Amino acid sequence: MLFSVSLQSSGVGSATLVSGNTWGDCVSWAEGTGKVIQSINIQQQILILVNSSSDESYSVGLKDTITNSLYTYIIYDTYSNVDKWVEAQPDMAVQNISLQKRTFVQL
C-alpha cells in the first residue's frame, strides 16, 4: 500500500511517500521519526519507482482515449524520462503532470 505522510519538526513540514504492508506499519514508522504526524493518507496511484533516492516525483494523470478510464501514476524519475514515458503510452491523453517534492520510504 502507498501512503502520503506529512510530518512536522520545529515548524518545518516534510512530505514522504511510504510503501508498506499495512496502515499500522506506516503509523509505526511515522511515530518512530520523532516528528509530529500531520496526516497520513492512502494513495491510490500506481507507483513507478526508477530513482528511489530522489525526493522529486511526478504525479501523472492519463486518460485512455478508447475506454475513457483515468489512471494516475507517481513516477520517481527525471522530467525528461517521465515525458518520454508518457509519450510512449499508446492511446493515452495527458490530463496533468505535476512535480511533487517528497522522499520515498520502503518499509
PDB file of N, CA and C in Angstrom:
ATOM      1  N   MET A   1       0.845  -1.173   0.000  1.00  0.00           N
ATOM      2  CA  MET A   1       0.000   0.000   0.000  1.00  0.00           C
ATOM      3  C   MET A   1       0.892   1.238   0.000  1.00  0.00           C
ATOM      4  N   LEU A   2       0.382   2.284  -0.587  1.00  0.00           N
ATOM      5  CA  LEU A   2       1.095   3.558  -0.605  1.00  0.00           C
ATOM      6  C   LEU A   2       0.400   4.552   0.320  1.00  0.00           C
ATOM      7  N   PHE A   3       1.222   5.292   1.071  1.00  0.00           N
ATOM      8  CA  PHE A   3       0.705   6.288   1.998  1.00  0.00           C
ATOM      9  C   PHE A   3       1.439   7.603   1.783  1.00  0.00           C
ATOM     10  N   SER A   4       0.714   8.683   1.781  1.00  0.00           N
ATOM     11  CA  SER A   4       1.306  10.013   1.774  1.00  0.00           C
ATOM     12  C   SER A   4       1.331  10.483   3.225  1.00  0.00           C
ATOM     13  N   VAL A   5       2.548  10.740   3.723  1.00  0.00           N
ATOM     14  CA  VAL A   5       2.720  11.092   5.129  1.00  0.00           C
ATOM     15  C   VAL A   5       3.264  12.509   5.232  1.00  0.00           C
ATOM     16  N   SER A   6       2.592  13.331   6.011  1.00  0.00           N
ATOM     17  CA  SER A   6       3.031  14.695   6.259  1.00  0.00           C
ATOM     18  C   SER A   6       3.482  14.783   7.713  1.00  0.00           C
ATOM     19  N   LEU A   7       4.736  15.193   7.894  1.00  0.00           N
ATOM     20  CA  LEU A   7       5.325  15.295   9.228  1.00  0.00           C
ATOM     21  C   LEU A   7       5.791  16.719   9.481  1.00  0.00           C
ATOM     22  N   GLN A   8       5.929  17.072  10.761  1.00  0.00           N
ATOM     23  CA  GLN A   8       6.412  18.405  11.104  1.00  0.00           C
ATOM     24  C   GLN A   8       7.412  18.315  12.248  1.00  0.00           C
ATOM     25  N   SER A   9       8.508  19.085  12.108  1.00  0.00           N
ATOM     26  CA  SER A   9       9.521  19.156  13.150  1.00  0.00           C
ATOM     27  C   SER A   9      10.035  20.583  13.228  1.00  0.00           C
ATOM     28  N   SER A  10       9.986  21.173  14.394  1.00  0.00           N
ATOM     29  CA  SER A  10      10.437  22.552  14.609  1.00  0.00           C
ATOM     30  C   SER A  10       9.777  23.526  13.634  1.00  0.00           C
ATOM     31  N   GLY A  11       8.502  23.311  13.373  1.00  0.00           N
ATOM     32  CA  GLY A  11       7.754  24.213  12.499  1.00  0.00           C
ATOM     33  C   GLY A  11       7.967  23.986  11.020  1.00  0.00           C
ATOM     34  N   VAL A  12       8.825  23.039  10.658  1.00  0.00           N
ATOM     35  CA  VAL A  12       9.100  22.764   9.245  1.00  0.00           C
ATOM     36  C   VAL A  12       8.410  21.469   8.852  1.00  0.00           C
ATOM     37  N   GLY A  13       7.617  21.525   7.790  1.00  0.00           N
ATOM     38  CA  GLY A  13       6.895  20.356   7.326  1.00  0.00           C
ATOM     39  C   GLY A  13       7.690  19.577   6.286  1.00  0.00           C
ATOM     40  N   SER A  14       7.424  18.290   6.226  1.00  0.00           N
ATOM     41  CA  SER A  14       8.036  17.450   5.207  1.00  0.00           C
ATOM     42  C   SER A  14       7.013  16.439   4.721  1.00  0.00           C
ATOM     43  N   ALA A  15       7.162  16.054   3.457  1.00  0.00           N
ATOM     44  CA  ALA A  15       6.251  15.085   2.857  1.00  0.00           C
ATOM     45  C   ALA A  15       7.031  13.849   2.456  1.00  0.00           C
ATOM     46  N   THR A  16       6.428  12.683   2.696  1.00  0.00           N
ATOM     47  CA  THR A  16       7.064  11.412   2.380  1.00  0.00           C
ATOM     48  C   THR A  16       6.024  10.479   1.785  1.00  0.00           C
ATOM     49  N   LEU A  17       6.422   9.737   0.752  1.00  0.00           N
ATOM     50  CA  LEU A  17       5.602   8.663   0.218  1.00  0.00           C
ATOM     51  C   LEU A  17       6.141   7.376   0.817  1.00  0.00           C
ATOM     52  N   VAL A  18       5.272   6.650   1.508  1.00  0.00           N
ATOM     53  CA  VAL A  18       5.684   5.434   2.211  1.00  0.00           C
ATOM     54  C   VAL A  18       4.993   4.230   1.589  1.00  0.00           C
ATOM     55  N   SER A  19       5.780   3.212   1.268  1.00  0.00           N
ATOM     56  CA  SER A  19       5.243   1.947   0.772  1.00  0.00           C
ATOM     57  C   SER A  19       5.376   0.926   1.882  1.00  0.00           C
ATOM     58  N   GLY A  20       4.247   0.397   2.330  1.00  0.00           N
ATOM     59  CA  GLY A  20       4.250  -0.577   3.414  1.00  0.00           C
ATOM     60  C   GLY A  20       3.094  -1.540   3.285  1.00  0.00           C
ATOM     61  N   ASN A  21       3.123  -2.573   4.091  1.00  0.00           N
ATOM     62  CA  ASN A  21       2.089  -3.603   4.009  1.00  0.00           C
ATOM     63  C   ASN A  21       0.762  -3.179   4.636  1.00  0.00           C
ATOM     64  N   THR A  22       0.841  -2.408   5.733  1.00  0.00           N
ATOM     65  CA  THR A  22      -0.380  -2.059   6.452  1.00  0.00           C
ATOM     66  C   THR A  22      -0.336  -0.615   6.938  1.00  0.00           C
ATOM     67  N   TRP A  23      -1.503  -0.113   7.276  1.00  0.00           N
ATOM     68  CA  TRP A  23      -1.632   1.212   7.884  1.00  0.00           C
ATOM     69  C   TRP A  23      -0.809   1.260   9.174  1.00  0.00           C
ATOM     70  N   GLY A  24      -0.903   0.191   9.973  1.00  0.00           N
ATOM     71  CA  GLY A  24      -0.184   0.138  11.247  1.00  0.00           C
ATOM     72  C   GLY A  24       1.327   0.242  11.058  1.00  0.00           C
ATOM     73  N   ASP A  25       1.847  -0.413  10.031  1.00  0.00           N
ATOM     74  CA  ASP A  25       3.289  -0.311   9.743  1.00  0.00           C
ATOM     75  C   ASP A  25       3.671   1.129   9.434  1.00  0.00           C
ATOM     76  N   CYS A  26       2.845   1.804   8.659  1.00  0.00           N
ATOM     77  CA  CYS A  26       3.119   3.192   8.294  1.00  0.00           C
ATOM     78  C   CYS A  26       3.066   4.096   9.526  1.00  0.00           C
ATOM     79  N   VAL A  27       2.070   3.912  10.358  1.00  0.00           N
ATOM     80  CA  VAL A  27       1.946   4.713  11.580  1.00  0.00           C
ATOM     81  C   VAL A  27       3.148   4.478  12.494  1.00  0.00           C
ATOM     82  N   SER A  28       3.559   3.215  12.642  1.00  0.00           N
ATOM     83  CA  SER A  28       4.724   2.906  13.479  1.00  0.00           C
ATOM     84  C   SER A  28       5.971   3.595  12.946  1.00  0.00           C
ATOM     85  N   TRP A  29       6.166   3.564  11.623  1.00  0.00           N
ATOM     86  CA  TRP A  29       7.320   4.238  11.030  1.00  0.00           C
ATOM     87  C   TRP A  29       7.254   5.734  11.320  1.00  0.00           C
ATOM     88  N   ALA A  30       6.079   6.344  11.093  1.00  0.00           N
ATOM     89  CA  ALA A  30       5.924   7.788  11.286  1.00  0.00           C
ATOM     90  C   ALA A  30       6.182   8.170  12.743  1.00  0.00           C
ATOM     91  N   GLU A  31       5.663   7.391  13.673  1.00  0.00           N
ATOM     92  CA  GLU A  31       5.900   7.665  15.093  1.00  0.00           C
ATOM     93  C   GLU A  31       7.379   7.546  15.429  1.00  0.00           C
ATOM     94  N   GLY A  32       8.078   6.623  14.788  1.00  0.00           N
ATOM     95  CA  GLY A  32       9.493   6.407  15.033  1.00  0.00           C
ATOM     96  C   GLY A  32      10.395   7.518  14.537  1.00  0.00           C
ATOM     97  N   THR A  33       9.876   8.405  13.700  1.00  0.00           N
ATOM     98  CA  THR A  33      10.695   9.515  13.207  1.00  0.00           C
ATOM     99  C   THR A  33      10.913  10.572  14.277  1.00  0.00           C
ATOM    100  N   GLY A  34      10.065  10.582  15.316  1.00  0.00           N
ATOM    101  CA  GLY A  34      10.174  11.597  16.357  1.00  0.00           C
ATOM    102  C   GLY A  34       9.555  12.920  15.960  1.00  0.00           C
ATOM    103  N   LYS A  35       8.964  12.977  14.771  1.00  0.00           N
ATOM    104  CA  LYS A  35       8.313  14.203  14.302  1.00  0.00           C
ATOM    105  C   LYS A  35       6.814  14.132  14.582  1.00  0.00           C
ATOM    106  N   VAL A  36       6.155  15.280  14.516  1.00  0.00           N
ATOM    107  CA  VAL A  36       4.711  15.341  14.727  1.00  0.00           C
ATOM    108  C   VAL A  36       4.018  14.907  13.440  1.00  0.00           C
ATOM    109  N   ILE A  37       3.101  13.946  13.554  1.00  0.00           N
ATOM    110  CA  ILE A  37       2.355  13.474  12.391  1.00  0.00           C
ATOM    111  C   ILE A  37       1.243  14.475  12.094  1.00  0.00           C
ATOM    112  N   GLN A  38       1.291  15.062  10.916  1.00  0.00           N
ATOM    113  CA  GLN A  38       0.241  15.990  10.479  1.00  0.00           C
ATOM    114  C   GLN A  38      -0.900  15.224   9.813  1.00  0.00           C
ATOM    115  N   SER A  39      -0.544  14.273   8.939  1.00  0.00           N
ATOM    116  CA  SER A  39      -1.566  13.475   8.260  1.00  0.00           C
ATOM    117  C   SER A  39      -0.939  12.239   7.630  1.00  0.00           C
ATOM    118  N   ILE A  40      -1.780  11.216   7.467  1.00  0.00           N
ATOM    119  CA  ILE A  40      -1.422  10.007   6.730  1.00  0.00           C
ATOM    120  C   ILE A  40      -2.616   9.677   5.848  1.00  0.00           C
ATOM    121  N   ASN A  41      -2.365   9.608   4.544  1.00  0.00           N
ATOM    122  CA  ASN A  41      -3.442   9.327   3.593  1.00  0.00           C
ATOM    123  C   ASN A  41      -3.060   8.177   2.681  1.00  0.00           C
ATOM    124  N   ILE A  42      -4.000   7.286   2.429  1.00  0.00           N
ATOM    125  CA  ILE A  42      -3.775   6.192   1.483  1.00  0.00           C
ATOM    126  C   ILE A  42      -3.778   6.774   0.073  1.00  0.00           C
ATOM    127  N   GLN A  43      -2.822   6.334  -0.734  1.00  0.00           N
ATOM    128  CA  GLN A  43      -2.697   6.789  -2.112  1.00  0.00           C
ATOM    129  C   GLN A  43      -3.163   5.676  -3.050  1.00  0.00           C
ATOM    130  N   GLN A  44      -3.940   6.018  -4.052  1.00  0.00           N
ATOM    131  CA  GLN A  44      -4.465   5.037  -4.994  1.00  0.00           C
ATOM    132  C   GLN A  44      -3.698   5.013  -6.317  1.00  0.00           C
ATOM    133  N   GLN A  45      -2.637   5.782  -6.414  1.00  0.00           N
ATOM    134  CA  GLN A  45      -1.874   5.859  -7.643  1.00  0.00           C
ATOM    135  C   GLN A  45      -1.024   4.611  -7.862  1.00  0.00           C
ATOM    136  N   ILE A  46      -0.562   4.466  -9.099  1.00  0.00           N
ATOM    137  CA  ILE A  46       0.349   3.390  -9.476  1.00  0.00           C
ATOM    138  C   ILE A  46       1.763   3.945  -9.357  1.00  0.00           C
ATOM    139  N   LEU A  47       2.619   3.262  -8.611  1.00  0.00           N
ATOM    140  CA  LEU A  47       3.983   3.724  -8.382  1.00  0.00           C
ATOM    141  C   LEU A  47       4.919   3.156  -9.440  1.00  0.00           C
ATOM    142  N   ILE A  48       5.702   4.041 -10.058  1.00  0.00           N
ATOM    143  CA  ILE A  48       6.789   3.643 -10.945  1.00  0.00           C
ATOM    144  C   ILE A  48       8.051   4.214 -10.322  1.00  0.00           C
ATOM    145  N   LEU A  49       8.837   3.339  -9.732  1.00  0.00           N
ATOM    146  CA  LEU A  49       9.985   3.748  -8.939  1.00  0.00           C
ATOM    147  C   LEU A  49      11.271   3.508  -9.727  1.00  0.00           C
ATOM    148  N   VAL A  50      11.770   4.559 -10.363  1.00  0.00           N
ATOM    149  CA  VAL A  50      13.008   4.454 -11.129  1.00  0.00           C
ATOM    150  C   VAL A  50      14.186   4.902 -10.276  1.00  0.00           C
ATOM    151  N   ASN A  51      14.025   6.015  -9.561  1.00  0.00           N
ATOM    152  CA  ASN A  51      15.099   6.551  -8.737  1.00  0.00           C
ATOM    153  C   ASN A  51      14.571   6.790  -7.325  1.00  0.00           C
ATOM    154  N   SER A  52      14.664   5.773  -6.480  1.00  0.00           N
ATOM    155  CA  SER A  52      14.085   5.860  -5.131  1.00  0.00           C
ATOM    156  C   SER A  52      14.851   6.802  -4.213  1.00  0.00           C
ATOM    157  N   SER A  53      16.066   7.193  -4.574  1.00  0.00           N
ATOM    158  CA  SER A  53      16.833   8.095  -3.717  1.00  0.00           C
ATOM    159  C   SER A  53      16.515   9.566  -3.990  1.00  0.00           C
ATOM    160  N   SER A  54      15.731   9.838  -5.010  1.00  0.00           N
ATOM    161  CA  SER A  54      15.351  11.209  -5.339  1.00  0.00           C
ATOM    162  C   SER A  54      14.193  11.662  -4.458  1.00  0.00           C
ATOM    163  N   ASP A  55      14.130  12.961  -4.199  1.00  0.00           N
ATOM    164  CA  ASP A  55      12.960  13.491  -3.484  1.00  0.00           C
ATOM    165  C   ASP A  55      11.997  14.159  -4.467  1.00  0.00           C
ATOM    166  N   GLU A  56      12.258  13.999  -5.761  1.00  0.00           N
ATOM    167  CA  GLU A  56      11.378  14.556  -6.786  1.00  0.00           C
ATOM    168  C   GLU A  56      10.610  13.440  -7.475  1.00  0.00           C
ATOM    169  N   SER A  57       9.300  13.586  -7.454  1.00  0.00           N
ATOM    170  CA  SER A  57       8.450  12.646  -8.170  1.00  0.00           C
ATOM    171  C   SER A  57       7.438  13.454  -8.970  1.00  0.00           C
ATOM    172  N   TYR A  58       6.847  12.796  -9.920  1.00  0.00           N
ATOM    173  CA  TYR A  58       5.842  13.450 -10.753  1.00  0.00           C
ATOM    174  C   TYR A  58       4.535  12.686 -10.637  1.00  0.00           C
ATOM    175  N   SER A  59       3.471  13.425 -10.414  1.00  0.00           N
ATOM    176  CA  SER A  59       2.134  12.866 -10.452  1.00  0.00           C
ATOM    177  C   SER A  59       1.656  13.022 -11.886  1.00  0.00           C
ATOM    178  N   VAL A  60       1.313  11.899 -12.511  1.00  0.00           N
ATOM    179  CA  VAL A  60       0.933  11.904 -13.919  1.00  0.00           C
ATOM    180  C   VAL A  60      -0.474  11.328 -14.053  1.00  0.00           C
ATOM    181  N   GLY A  61      -1.364  12.098 -14.636  1.00  0.00           N
ATOM    182  CA  GLY A  61      -2.724  11.638 -14.903  1.00  0.00           C
ATOM    183  C   GLY A  61      -2.893  11.384 -16.382  1.00  0.00           C
ATOM    184  N   LEU A  62      -3.329  10.176 -16.737  1.00  0.00           N
ATOM    185  CA  LEU A  62      -3.557   9.821 -18.133  1.00  0.00           C
ATOM    186  C   LEU A  62      -4.978   9.308 -18.304  1.00  0.00           C
ATOM    187  N   LYS A  63      -5.539   9.592 -19.464  1.00  0.00           N
ATOM    188  CA  LYS A  63      -6.879   9.111 -19.780  1.00  0.00           C
ATOM    189  C   LYS A  63      -6.802   8.236 -21.021  1.00  0.00           C
ATOM    190  N   ASP A  64      -7.321   7.022 -20.895  1.00  0.00           N
ATOM    191  CA  ASP A  64      -7.367   6.104 -22.024  1.00  0.00           C
ATOM    192  C   ASP A  64      -8.374   6.652 -23.035  1.00  0.00           C
ATOM    193  N   THR A  65      -7.920   6.917 -24.238  1.00  0.00           N
ATOM    194  CA  THR A  65      -8.788   7.537 -25.241  1.00  0.00           C
ATOM    195  C   THR A  65      -9.807   6.559 -25.822  1.00  0.00           C
ATOM    196  N   ILE A  66      -9.660   5.279 -25.541  1.00  0.00           N
ATOM    197  CA  ILE A  66     -10.611   4.277 -26.043  1.00  0.00           C
ATOM    198  C   ILE A  66     -11.689   3.997 -25.006  1.00  0.00           C
ATOM    199  N   THR A  67     -11.270   3.770 -23.757  1.00  0.00           N
ATOM    200  CA  THR A  67     -12.226   3.397 -22.706  1.00  0.00           C
ATOM    201  C   THR A  67     -12.638   4.565 -21.820  1.00  0.00           C
ATOM    202  N   ASN A  68     -11.938   5.705 -21.933  1.00  0.00           N
ATOM    203  CA  ASN A  68     -12.148   6.874 -21.080  1.00  0.00           C
ATOM    204  C   ASN A  68     -11.786   6.631 -19.612  1.00  0.00           C
ATOM    205  N   SER A  69     -11.051   5.559 -19.334  1.00  0.00           N
ATOM    206  CA  SER A  69     -10.596   5.278 -17.972  1.00  0.00           C
ATOM    207  C   SER A  69      -9.464   6.231 -17.608  1.00  0.00           C
ATOM    208  N   LEU A  70      -9.462   6.649 -16.339  1.00  0.00           N
ATOM    209  CA  LEU A  70      -8.410   7.533 -15.837  1.00  0.00           C
ATOM    210  C   LEU A  70      -7.408   6.729 -15.018  1.00  0.00           C
ATOM    211  N   TYR A  71      -6.132   7.049 -15.205  1.00  0.00           N
ATOM    212  CA  TYR A  71      -5.054   6.395 -14.470  1.00  0.00           C
ATOM    213  C   TYR A  71      -4.150   7.467 -13.895  1.00  0.00           C
ATOM    214  N   THR A  72      -3.732   7.270 -12.640  1.00  0.00           N
ATOM    215  CA  THR A  72      -2.830   8.217 -12.006  1.00  0.00           C
ATOM    216  C   THR A  72      -1.591   7.469 -11.551  1.00  0.00           C
ATOM    217  N   TYR A  73      -0.442   8.024 -11.891  1.00  0.00           N
ATOM    218  CA  TYR A  73       0.848   7.410 -11.581  1.00  0.00           C
ATOM    219  C   TYR A  73       1.675   8.358 -10.717  1.00  0.00           C
ATOM    220  N   ILE A  74       2.526   7.783  -9.894  1.00  0.00           N
ATOM    221  CA  ILE A  74       3.574   8.527  -9.209  1.00  0.00           C
ATOM    222  C   ILE A  74       4.874   7.965  -9.764  1.00  0.00           C
ATOM    223  N   ILE A  75       5.654   8.830 -10.398  1.00  0.00           N
ATOM    224  CA  ILE A  75       6.875   8.374 -11.050  1.00  0.00           C
ATOM    225  C   ILE A  75       8.076   9.102 -10.437  1.00  0.00           C
ATOM    226  N   TYR A  76       8.992   8.332  -9.864  1.00  0.00           N
ATOM    227  CA  TYR A  76      10.239   8.888  -9.339  1.00  0.00           C
ATOM    228  C   TYR A  76      11.295   8.767 -10.433  1.00  0.00           C
ATOM    229  N   ASP A  77      11.507   9.849 -11.145  1.00  0.00           N
ATOM    230  CA  ASP A  77      12.479   9.898 -12.235  1.00  0.00           C
ATOM    231  C   ASP A  77      12.623  11.352 -12.658  1.00  0.00           C
ATOM    232  N   THR A  78      13.467  11.610 -13.647  1.00  0.00           N
ATOM    233  CA  THR A  78      13.630  12.971 -14.148  1.00  0.00           C
ATOM    234  C   THR A  78      12.442  13.345 -15.026  1.00  0.00           C
ATOM    235  N   TYR A  79      12.210  14.650 -15.169  1.00  0.00           N
ATOM    236  CA  TYR A  79      11.100  15.092 -16.009  1.00  0.00           C
ATOM    237  C   TYR A  79      11.278  14.608 -17.447  1.00  0.00           C
ATOM    238  N   SER A  80      12.493  14.642 -17.935  1.00  0.00           N
ATOM    239  CA  SER A  80      12.770  14.206 -19.298  1.00  0.00           C
ATOM    240  C   SER A  80      12.352  12.749 -19.507  1.00  0.00           C
ATOM    241  N   ASN A  81      12.698  11.897 -18.565  1.00  0.00           N
ATOM    242  CA  ASN A  81      12.315  10.487 -18.675  1.00  0.00           C
ATOM    243  C   ASN A  81      10.820  10.281 -18.504  1.00  0.00           C
ATOM    244  N   VAL A  82      10.201  11.043 -17.617  1.00  0.00           N
ATOM    245  CA  VAL A  82       8.748  10.959 -17.434  1.00  0.00           C
ATOM    246  C   VAL A  82       8.043  11.370 -18.728  1.00  0.00           C
ATOM    247  N   ASP A  83       8.521  12.439 -19.343  1.00  0.00           N
ATOM    248  CA  ASP A  83       7.938  12.912 -20.597  1.00  0.00           C
ATOM    249  C   ASP A  83       8.042  11.843 -21.688  1.00  0.00           C
ATOM    250  N   LYS A  84       9.189  11.210 -21.790  1.00  0.00           N
ATOM    251  CA  LYS A  84       9.382  10.140 -22.780  1.00  0.00           C
ATOM    252  C   LYS A  84       8.455   8.959 -22.491  1.00  0.00           C
ATOM    253  N   TRP A  85       8.312   8.621 -21.212  1.00  0.00           N
ATOM    254  CA  TRP A  85       7.433   7.512 -20.836  1.00  0.00           C
ATOM    255  C   TRP A  85       5.986   7.819 -21.217  1.00  0.00           C
ATOM    256  N   VAL A  86       5.553   9.038 -20.922  1.00  0.00           N
ATOM    257  CA  VAL A  86       4.181   9.441 -21.244  1.00  0.00           C
ATOM    258  C   VAL A  86       3.945   9.349 -22.751  1.00  0.00           C
ATOM    259  N   GLU A  87       4.885   9.851 -23.534  1.00  0.00           N
ATOM    260  CA  GLU A  87       4.751   9.819 -24.990  1.00  0.00           C
ATOM    261  C   GLU A  87       4.678   8.396 -25.539  1.00  0.00           C
ATOM    262  N   ALA A  88       5.268   7.446 -24.828  1.00  0.00           N
ATOM    263  CA  ALA A  88       5.297   6.055 -25.290  1.00  0.00           C
ATOM    264  C   ALA A  88       4.032   5.268 -24.918  1.00  0.00           C
ATOM    265  N   GLN A  89       3.119   5.881 -24.162  1.00  0.00           N
ATOM    266  CA  GLN A  89       1.903   5.183 -23.751  1.00  0.00           C
ATOM    267  C   GLN A  89       0.866   5.241 -24.867  1.00  0.00           C
ATOM    268  N   PRO A  90       0.467   4.094 -25.404  1.00  0.00           N
ATOM    269  CA  PRO A  90      -0.483   4.093 -26.523  1.00  0.00           C
ATOM    270  C   PRO A  90      -1.895   4.476 -26.081  1.00  0.00           C
ATOM    271  N   ASP A  91      -2.564   5.229 -26.906  1.00  0.00           N
ATOM    272  CA  ASP A  91      -3.975   5.586 -26.706  1.00  0.00           C
ATOM    273  C   ASP A  91      -4.250   6.286 -25.387  1.00  0.00           C
ATOM    274  N   MET A  92      -3.292   7.090 -24.938  1.00  0.00           N
ATOM    275  CA  MET A  92      -3.458   7.827 -23.690  1.00  0.00           C
ATOM    276  C   MET A  92      -3.335   9.326 -23.940  1.00  0.00           C
ATOM    277  N   ALA A  93      -4.189  10.086 -23.281  1.00  0.00           N
ATOM    278  CA  ALA A  93      -4.138  11.546 -23.346  1.00  0.00           C
ATOM    279  C   ALA A  93      -3.721  12.066 -21.974  1.00  0.00           C
ATOM    280  N   VAL A  94      -2.787  12.998 -21.967  1.00  0.00           N
ATOM    281  CA  VAL A  94      -2.296  13.561 -20.705  1.00  0.00           C
ATOM    282  C   VAL A  94      -3.371  14.445 -20.081  1.00  0.00           C
ATOM    283  N   GLN A  95      -3.657  14.210 -18.814  1.00  0.00           N
ATOM    284  CA  GLN A  95      -4.587  15.041 -18.054  1.00  0.00           C
ATOM    285  C   GLN A  95      -3.819  16.059 -17.214  1.00  0.00           C
ATOM    286  N   ASN A  96      -2.699  15.618 -16.643  1.00  0.00           N
ATOM    287  CA  ASN A  96      -1.843  16.525 -15.868  1.00  0.00           C
ATOM    288  C   ASN A  96      -0.507  15.860 -15.566  1.00  0.00           C
ATOM    289  N   ILE A  97       0.478  16.700 -15.349  1.00  0.00           N
ATOM    290  CA  ILE A  97       1.787  16.275 -14.848  1.00  0.00           C
ATOM    291  C   ILE A  97       2.200  17.340 -13.846  1.00  0.00           C
ATOM    292  N   SER A  98       2.480  16.920 -12.621  1.00  0.00           N
ATOM    293  CA  SER A  98       2.897  17.897 -11.615  1.00  0.00           C
ATOM    294  C   SER A  98       4.042  17.349 -10.778  1.00  0.00           C
ATOM    295  N   LEU A  99       4.962  18.237 -10.450  1.00  0.00           N
ATOM    296  CA  LEU A  99       6.114  17.901  -9.627  1.00  0.00           C
ATOM    297  C   LEU A  99       5.696  17.838  -8.171  1.00  0.00           C
ATOM    298  N   GLN A 100       6.176  16.795  -7.485  1.00  0.00           N
ATOM    299  CA  GLN A 100       5.925  16.660  -6.051  1.00  0.00           C
ATOM    300  C   GLN A 100       7.263  16.442  -5.360  1.00  0.00           C
ATOM    301  N   LYS A 101       7.564  17.256  -4.376  1.00  0.00           N
ATOM    302  CA  LYS A 101       8.798  17.112  -3.608  1.00  0.00           C
ATOM    303  C   LYS A 101       8.482  16.288  -2.370  1.00  0.00           C
ATOM    304  N   ARG A 102       8.853  15.012  -2.405  1.00  0.00           N
ATOM    305  CA  ARG A 102       8.693  14.178  -1.220  1.00  0.00           C
ATOM    306  C   ARG A 102       9.609  12.964  -1.335  1.00  0.00           C
ATOM    307  N   THR A 103      10.182  12.611  -0.230  1.00  0.00           N
ATOM    308  CA  THR A 103      11.066  11.460  -0.200  1.00  0.00           C
ATOM    309  C   THR A 103      10.259  10.171  -0.278  1.00  0.00           C
ATOM    310  N   PHE A 104      10.933   9.094  -0.610  1.00  0.00           N
ATOM    311  CA  PHE A 104      10.283   7.784  -0.688  1.00  0.00           C
ATOM    312  C   PHE A 104      10.892   6.864   0.360  1.00  0.00           C
ATOM    313  N   VAL A 105      10.026   6.133   1.060  1.00  0.00           N
ATOM    314  CA  VAL A 105      10.466   5.159   2.069  1.00  0.00           C
ATOM    315  C   VAL A 105       9.774   3.839   1.804  1.00  0.00           C
ATOM    316  N   GLN A 106      10.562   2.785   1.701  1.00  0.00           N
ATOM    317  CA  GLN A 106      10.024   1.416   1.569  1.00  0.00           C
ATOM    318  C   GLN A 106      10.146   0.745   2.927  1.00  0.00           C
ATOM    319  N   LEU A 107       9.015   0.294   3.490  1.00  0.00           N
ATOM    320  CA  LEU A 107       9.053  -0.377   4.799  1.00  0.00           C
ATOM    321  C   LEU A 107       9.259  -1.874   4.622  1.00  0.00           C
TER     322      LEU A 107
END
